[in-house]
Amino acid sequence: MAGETVNEDLDARRGLAFSANFEIQRLAEAVTKITSGNEDDIAVDGIMRRIQQLTEIVFFAQRLHGKTDKQCGAPNLEQLQRWYDGALMV
């Protein structure tokens, strides 16, 4: 029984992390759209794109997609680390 409670807690935490991560990504996308094309907002655009990149890293690193990495074509840990270190996401 204690194991079920732990699993339910982990599932609830994973669900919350997924929702929060998704909302952060959507907010960053919205700000990027609002500021795109405005030369004065280049810094804001860069910050929002980095936030989007970090949410993608969290999404895959924590497997918030709920599938195996092979099932969803997720990048491996080495690629995630490269993205975090500043490599382009390609």
Protein backbone atom coordinates (compact mmCIF):
# COMPACT_ATOMS: atom_id res chain seq x y z
CA MET A 1 0.00 0.00 0.00
CA ALA A 2 2.78 2.46 0.80
CA GLY A 3 4.18 1.90 -2.70
CA GLU A 4 0.84 2.86 -4.25
CA THR A 5 0.82 6.13 -2.31
CA VAL A 6 4.34 6.94 -3.48
CA ASN A 7 3.43 6.14 -7.10
CA GLU A 8 0.27 8.25 -6.88
CA ASP A 9 2.34 11.11 -5.43
CA LEU A 10 4.92 10.76 -8.20
CA ASP A 11 2.18 10.71 -10.83
CA ALA A 12 0.58 13.81 -9.30
CA ARG A 13 3.93 15.61 -9.17
CA ARG A 14 4.67 14.62 -12.75
CA GLY A 15 1.28 15.95 -13.83
CA LEU A 16 1.88 19.23 -12.04
CA ALA A 17 5.38 19.54 -13.53
CA PHE A 18 3.96 18.89 -16.99
CA SER A 19 1.25 21.53 -16.59
CA ALA A 20 3.59 24.16 -15.18
CA ASN A 21 6.25 23.47 -17.81
CA PHE A 22 3.67 23.67 -20.60
CA GLU A 23 2.31 26.98 -19.31
CA ILE A 24 5.81 28.47 -19.08
CA GLN A 25 6.46 27.44 -22.67
CA ARG A 26 3.17 28.93 -23.89
CA LEU A 27 3.84 32.22 -22.07
CA ALA A 28 7.30 32.44 -23.63
CA GLU A 29 5.81 31.78 -27.06
CA ALA A 30 3.21 34.51 -26.52
CA VAL A 31 5.81 37.08 -25.49
CA THR A 32 7.97 36.10 -28.46
CA LYS A 33 5.03 36.65 -30.84
CA ILE A 34 4.16 39.98 -29.24
CA THR A 35 7.71 41.30 -29.50
CA SER A 36 8.76 39.75 -32.83
CA GLY A 37 9.78 42.25 -35.46
CA ASN A 38 10.51 44.99 -32.95
CA GLU A 39 14.23 45.71 -33.01
CA ASP A 40 14.08 47.19 -29.51
CA ASP A 41 12.94 43.87 -28.11
CA ILE A 42 15.79 41.69 -29.41
CA ALA A 43 16.95 40.96 -25.85
CA VAL A 44 13.42 40.03 -24.75
CA ASP A 45 13.06 37.78 -27.79
CA GLY A 46 16.34 36.03 -26.95
CA ILE A 47 15.31 35.53 -23.34
CA MET A 48 11.94 34.09 -24.34
CA ARG A 49 13.54 31.72 -26.83
CA ARG A 50 15.93 30.50 -24.13
CA ILE A 51 12.98 29.93 -21.79
CA GLN A 52 11.29 27.90 -24.52
CA GLN A 53 14.48 25.90 -25.01
CA LEU A 54 14.79 25.21 -21.28
CA THR A 55 11.18 24.01 -21.06
CA GLU A 56 11.90 21.58 -23.91
CA ILE A 57 14.94 20.30 -22.02
CA VAL A 58 12.85 19.80 -18.86
CA PHE A 59 10.08 18.12 -20.86
CA PHE A 60 12.44 15.52 -22.29
CA ALA A 61 14.84 15.21 -19.34
CA GLN A 62 11.99 14.45 -16.93
CA ARG A 63 10.15 12.37 -19.54
CA LEU A 64 7.02 14.44 -19.05
CA HIS A 65 5.80 13.06 -22.38
CA GLY A 66 4.92 9.84 -20.53
CA LYS A 67 6.50 7.57 -23.14
CA THR A 68 9.83 5.90 -23.57
CA ASP A 69 12.42 8.00 -25.35
CA LYS A 70 12.30 5.67 -28.36
CA GLN A 71 8.50 5.93 -28.61
CA CYS A 72 8.54 9.70 -28.91
CA GLY A 73 11.92 10.15 -30.58
CA ALA A 74 13.30 12.05 -27.60
CA PRO A 75 16.86 13.31 -27.68
CA ASN A 76 19.36 11.46 -25.52
CA LEU A 77 20.90 12.94 -22.38
CA GLU A 78 24.06 14.01 -24.21
CA GLN A 79 22.01 16.05 -26.71
CA LEU A 80 19.95 17.60 -23.90
CA GLN A 81 23.17 18.61 -22.15
CA ARG A 82 24.47 20.19 -25.36
CA TRP A 83 21.24 22.19 -25.71
CA TYR A 84 21.55 23.33 -22.12
CA ASP A 85 25.17 24.34 -22.69
CA GLY A 86 24.06 26.52 -25.59
CA ALA A 87 24.14 24.37 -28.68
CA LEU A 88 21.32 24.95 -31.15
CA MET A 89 18.33 22.63 -30.99
CA VAL A 90 18.43 20.79 -34.30
